[in-house]
Amino acid sequence: MSLIDIKNIKKVYGEEDVVTRVLHGISFSIDEGEFISIMGPSGSGKSTLLHILGLLDRPTSGTYFFEEENTALLSDEALAELRNQKIGFVFQSFHLLARTSVLENVILPLYYSAVPKKDYVSKAKIALEHVQLSHRLNHLPHQLSGGEKQRVAIARALVNDPKVLFADEPTGNLDSKTGKAVMDTLDALHKQGKTIIIITHETSTAAFANRIISISDGAVVSDQTSGTKHTHYTK
């Protein structure tokens, strides 16, 4: 079963004579358990595509099925619930609350979930174990390295046990050694069965994936699957 299936997705901003066409009929499917990189230069449309795939925005036209459900038929409230339950996000800038402990940062998404409050701490601790940060529970973000901050962000994205984890330029603010450590973390999560989708312009980051979808000027220019991944990381 395809986890994600998009067909002829287009995105246009503006009205009447002033329009910007960003996506020009993108189609592909993603199966559960895949590790995919969506790669392209700045301005290629990959961030707009991420927003649509992550249910943060709707396409102008085309179809998007998530777990065989037509997302166009869902209300904004239903999309928000689906996003909270099934999708995790990791961003380049971490987006951690500065005056809040690592544990509380990871707990945050649970406040908007159906998880009983008594289970918040245990679920957050399990997520932090997945990224090997159990020893940093009570630290504040300013006490962490850049790589540790990103791993906290990954734990936060994992805490609701999403079907898919989106990572938007996850190594963009990191040096090469730290970036490789973050990518190794995502690779380990994939080996545990998690679906990972990375948005990147960096070849060495994209190479961790089993499949690379390249886009340029709002269109897919290649979709390549590799049986072996390249984990030699440089920046």
Protein backbone atom coordinates (compact mmCIF):
# COMPACT_ATOMS: atom_id res chain seq x y z
CA MET A 1 0.00 0.00 0.00
CA SER A 2 1.28 3.44 -0.85
CA LEU A 3 1.62 5.72 2.13
CA ILE A 4 1.65 8.79 -0.13
CA ASP A 5 0.32 8.99 -3.68
CA ILE A 6 0.29 12.32 -5.52
CA LYS A 7 -0.82 12.83 -9.09
CA ASN A 8 -0.42 15.95 -11.25
CA ILE A 9 0.09 18.25 -8.25
CA LYS A 10 0.21 21.91 -9.22
CA LYS A 11 0.60 24.99 -7.04
CA VAL A 12 -0.10 28.52 -8.16
CA TYR A 13 0.14 31.63 -6.01
CA GLY A 14 -1.59 34.91 -6.81
CA GLU A 15 -4.65 35.85 -8.82
CA GLU A 16 -5.61 36.97 -12.32
CA ASP A 17 -2.70 38.71 -14.06
CA VAL A 18 -0.20 38.30 -11.21
CA VAL A 19 0.43 34.60 -10.72
CA THR A 20 3.45 32.52 -9.78
CA ARG A 21 3.39 28.90 -10.90
CA VAL A 22 5.56 26.93 -8.47
CA LEU A 23 4.72 23.25 -9.06
CA HIS A 24 3.94 21.98 -12.55
CA GLY A 25 2.19 18.61 -12.33
CA ILE A 26 4.23 16.47 -9.94
CA SER A 27 3.37 12.78 -9.59
CA PHE A 28 4.91 9.97 -7.53
CA SER A 29 4.12 7.40 -4.85
CA ILE A 30 5.94 6.65 -1.62
CA ASP A 31 5.60 3.32 0.15
CA GLU A 32 5.71 2.85 3.88
CA GLY A 33 9.26 2.21 5.10
CA GLU A 34 11.06 4.07 2.31
CA PHE A 35 13.94 6.50 2.88
CA ILE A 36 13.62 9.24 0.27
CA SER A 37 15.45 12.46 -0.51
CA ILE A 38 13.67 15.18 -2.43
CA MET A 39 16.51 17.18 -3.88
CA GLY A 40 16.69 20.45 -5.76
CA PRO A 41 18.31 23.90 -5.80
CA SER A 42 16.83 26.95 -4.11
CA GLY A 43 13.70 28.02 -5.94
CA SER A 44 13.03 24.55 -7.37
CA GLY A 45 9.75 24.16 -5.49
CA LYS A 46 10.89 21.55 -2.99
CA SER A 47 9.79 23.56 0.06
CA THR A 48 6.35 24.14 -1.45
CA LEU A 49 6.14 20.41 -2.16
CA LEU A 50 7.12 19.67 1.45
CA HIS A 51 4.31 21.89 2.72
CA ILE A 52 1.81 20.02 0.58
CA LEU A 53 3.11 16.55 1.45
CA GLY A 54 3.16 17.51 5.13
CA LEU A 55 -0.46 18.74 4.95
CA LEU A 56 0.59 22.27 5.82
CA ASP A 57 -0.79 23.58 2.53
CA ARG A 58 -3.17 22.41 -0.17
CA PRO A 59 -2.34 22.05 -3.87
CA THR A 60 -4.07 24.27 -6.41
CA SER A 61 -4.96 21.16 -8.41
CA GLY A 62 -4.11 17.47 -8.57
CA THR A 63 -4.78 14.67 -6.09
CA TYR A 64 -3.05 13.69 -2.87
CA PHE A 65 -3.92 10.42 -1.17
CA PHE A 66 -2.42 9.75 2.29
CA GLU A 67 -2.93 6.14 3.39
CA GLU A 68 -5.44 5.86 0.50
CA GLU A 69 -7.50 8.78 1.84
CA ASN A 70 -8.16 11.72 -0.45
CA THR A 71 -6.86 14.71 1.49
CA ALA A 72 -8.89 17.14 -0.65
CA LEU A 73 -12.04 15.83 1.05
CA LEU A 74 -10.76 16.60 4.55
CA SER A 75 -11.55 19.78 6.48
CA ASP A 76 -8.75 21.94 7.84
CA GLU A 77 -9.48 20.52 11.29
CA ALA A 78 -9.26 16.94 10.01
CA LEU A 79 -6.00 17.73 8.22
CA ALA A 80 -4.56 19.20 11.43
CA GLU A 81 -5.52 16.05 13.34
CA LEU A 82 -4.04 13.80 10.67
CA ARG A 83 -0.86 15.88 10.64
CA ASN A 84 -0.51 15.64 14.42
CA GLN A 85 -1.11 11.90 14.54
CA LYS A 86 0.68 10.67 11.44
CA ILE A 87 3.40 13.20 10.49
CA GLY A 88 6.55 14.38 12.24
CA PHE A 89 8.61 17.41 11.18
CA VAL A 90 12.28 18.24 11.67
CA PHE A 91 13.42 21.70 10.56
CA GLN A 92 16.80 23.25 9.81
CA SER A 93 16.46 25.76 12.68
CA PHE A 94 15.44 23.18 15.33
CA HIS A 95 12.52 25.31 16.69
CA LEU A 96 13.14 24.33 20.31
CA LEU A 97 11.67 26.40 23.15
CA ALA A 98 14.69 28.15 24.66
CA ARG A 99 13.63 28.19 28.33
CA THR A 100 12.17 24.70 28.33
CA SER A 101 14.01 21.48 29.17
CA VAL A 102 14.81 18.84 26.58
CA LEU A 103 12.15 16.56 28.08
CA GLU A 104 9.46 19.25 27.96
CA ASN A 105 10.38 20.18 24.38
CA VAL A 106 9.82 16.58 23.34
CA ILE A 107 6.57 16.33 25.31
CA LEU A 108 5.09 19.40 23.55
CA PRO A 109 3.31 17.61 20.64
CA LEU A 110 1.58 15.28 23.10
CA TYR A 111 -0.48 18.17 24.47
CA TYR A 112 -2.35 18.15 21.13
CA SER A 113 -2.76 14.38 20.98
CA ALA A 114 -5.08 11.76 22.45
CA VAL A 115 -2.25 10.35 24.59
CA PRO A 116 -3.18 10.30 28.31
CA LYS A 117 -1.24 12.89 30.28
CA LYS A 118 0.14 10.21 32.61
CA ASP A 119 2.03 8.73 29.64
CA TYR A 120 3.67 11.96 28.45
CA VAL A 121 6.98 11.53 30.28
CA SER A 122 7.44 7.85 29.43
CA LYS A 123 6.74 8.42 25.72
CA ALA A 124 9.14 11.39 25.62
CA LYS A 125 11.85 9.36 27.30
CA ILE A 126 11.42 6.55 24.77
CA ALA A 127 11.74 9.06 21.91
CA LEU A 128 14.93 10.47 23.44
CA GLU A 129 16.33 6.95 23.82
CA HIS A 130 15.86 6.50 20.05
CA VAL A 131 18.20 9.45 19.42
CA GLN A 132 20.59 8.54 22.26
CA LEU A 133 19.90 11.63 24.39
CA SER A 134 18.52 10.11 27.57
CA HIS A 135 21.37 11.75 29.49
CA ARG A 136 20.21 15.26 28.44
CA LEU A 137 16.63 15.16 29.75
CA ASN A 138 16.92 18.14 32.07
CA HIS A 139 19.23 20.29 29.98
CA LEU A 140 18.11 23.50 28.31
CA PRO A 141 18.67 24.01 24.56
CA HIS A 142 21.50 26.52 25.11
CA GLN A 143 23.41 23.77 26.95
CA LEU A 144 23.37 21.51 23.87
CA SER A 145 25.52 21.33 20.75
CA GLY A 146 23.93 21.94 17.35
CA GLY A 147 23.78 18.22 16.64
CA GLU A 148 22.16 17.51 20.00
CA LYS A 149 19.55 20.20 19.34
CA GLN A 150 18.69 18.56 16.04
CA ARG A 151 18.43 15.16 17.68
CA VAL A 152 16.05 16.64 20.28
CA ALA A 153 14.02 17.97 17.35
CA ILE A 154 13.99 14.46 15.86
CA ALA A 155 12.84 12.99 19.19
CA ARG A 156 10.05 15.58 19.35
CA ALA A 157 8.99 14.60 15.82
CA LEU A 158 8.97 10.93 16.84
CA VAL A 159 7.06 11.23 20.11
CA ASN A 160 3.63 10.62 18.52
CA ASP A 161 5.01 7.63 16.59
CA PRO A 162 4.18 9.16 13.18
CA LYS A 163 3.81 7.20 9.97
CA VAL A 164 6.30 9.48 8.22
CA LEU A 165 9.08 11.80 9.32
CA PHE A 166 9.85 14.87 7.17
CA ALA A 167 13.26 16.49 7.63
CA ASP A 168 13.67 19.88 5.95
CA GLU A 169 17.38 20.62 5.37
CA PRO A 170 18.20 18.80 8.64
CA THR A 171 21.95 19.37 8.30
CA GLY A 172 21.80 22.92 6.95
CA ASN A 173 23.06 24.58 10.14
CA LEU A 174 25.58 21.88 11.06
CA ASP A 175 29.22 21.16 10.30
CA SER A 176 30.12 18.00 8.41
CA LYS A 177 30.87 15.82 11.46
CA THR A 178 27.70 16.85 13.27
CA GLY A 179 25.66 16.61 10.09
CA LYS A 180 26.78 13.02 9.56
CA ALA A 181 25.80 12.16 13.14
CA VAL A 182 22.29 13.53 12.52
CA MET A 183 22.00 11.62 9.25
CA ASP A 184 23.22 8.46 10.99
CA THR A 185 20.37 8.95 13.48
CA LEU A 186 17.81 9.22 10.68
CA ASP A 187 19.36 6.21 8.97
CA ALA A 188 19.01 4.18 12.17
CA LEU A 189 15.35 5.18 12.45
CA HIS A 190 14.79 4.04 8.88
CA LYS A 191 16.37 0.68 9.67
CA GLN A 192 13.83 0.38 12.50
CA GLY A 193 11.05 0.73 9.92
CA LYS A 194 10.29 4.45 9.95
CA THR A 195 9.43 6.22 6.68
CA ILE A 196 11.86 9.12 6.21
CA ILE A 197 11.57 11.93 3.66
CA ILE A 198 14.40 14.47 3.52
CA ILE A 199 14.24 17.79 1.69
CA THR A 200 17.74 18.93 0.78
CA HIS A 201 20.01 20.62 -1.74
CA GLU A 202 23.10 18.78 -0.46
CA THR A 203 24.24 15.76 -2.45
CA SER A 204 25.94 14.11 0.52
CA THR A 205 22.77 14.40 2.62
CA ALA A 206 20.59 13.06 -0.19
CA ALA A 207 22.92 10.09 -0.65
CA PHE A 208 21.80 8.56 2.64
CA ALA A 209 18.45 7.75 1.05
CA ASN A 210 17.53 4.65 -0.96
CA ARG A 211 15.67 6.81 -3.46
CA ILE A 212 16.33 10.34 -4.71
CA ILE A 213 13.62 12.43 -6.37
CA SER A 214 15.18 15.46 -8.05
CA ILE A 215 13.06 18.47 -8.90
CA SER A 216 13.87 21.59 -10.87
CA ASP A 217 11.64 24.52 -11.80
CA GLY A 218 8.67 22.84 -10.15
CA ALA A 219 8.89 19.52 -11.98
CA VAL A 220 10.40 16.08 -11.32
CA VAL A 221 13.50 15.65 -13.47
CA SER A 222 14.61 12.27 -12.12
CA ASP A 223 13.45 9.57 -9.71
CA GLN A 224 16.20 7.09 -8.99
CA THR A 225 16.25 4.09 -6.66
CA SER A 226 19.50 2.63 -5.39
CA GLY A 227 20.00 -0.68 -3.67
CA THR A 228 22.95 0.73 -1.75
CA LYS A 229 23.25 4.00 0.11
CA HIS A 230 26.30 6.23 0.25
CA THR A 231 27.05 7.41 3.76
CA HIS A 232 30.30 9.26 3.14
CA TYR A 233 29.26 12.73 4.25
CA THR A 234 30.94 15.99 3.26
CA LYS A 235 29.82 19.63 3.17
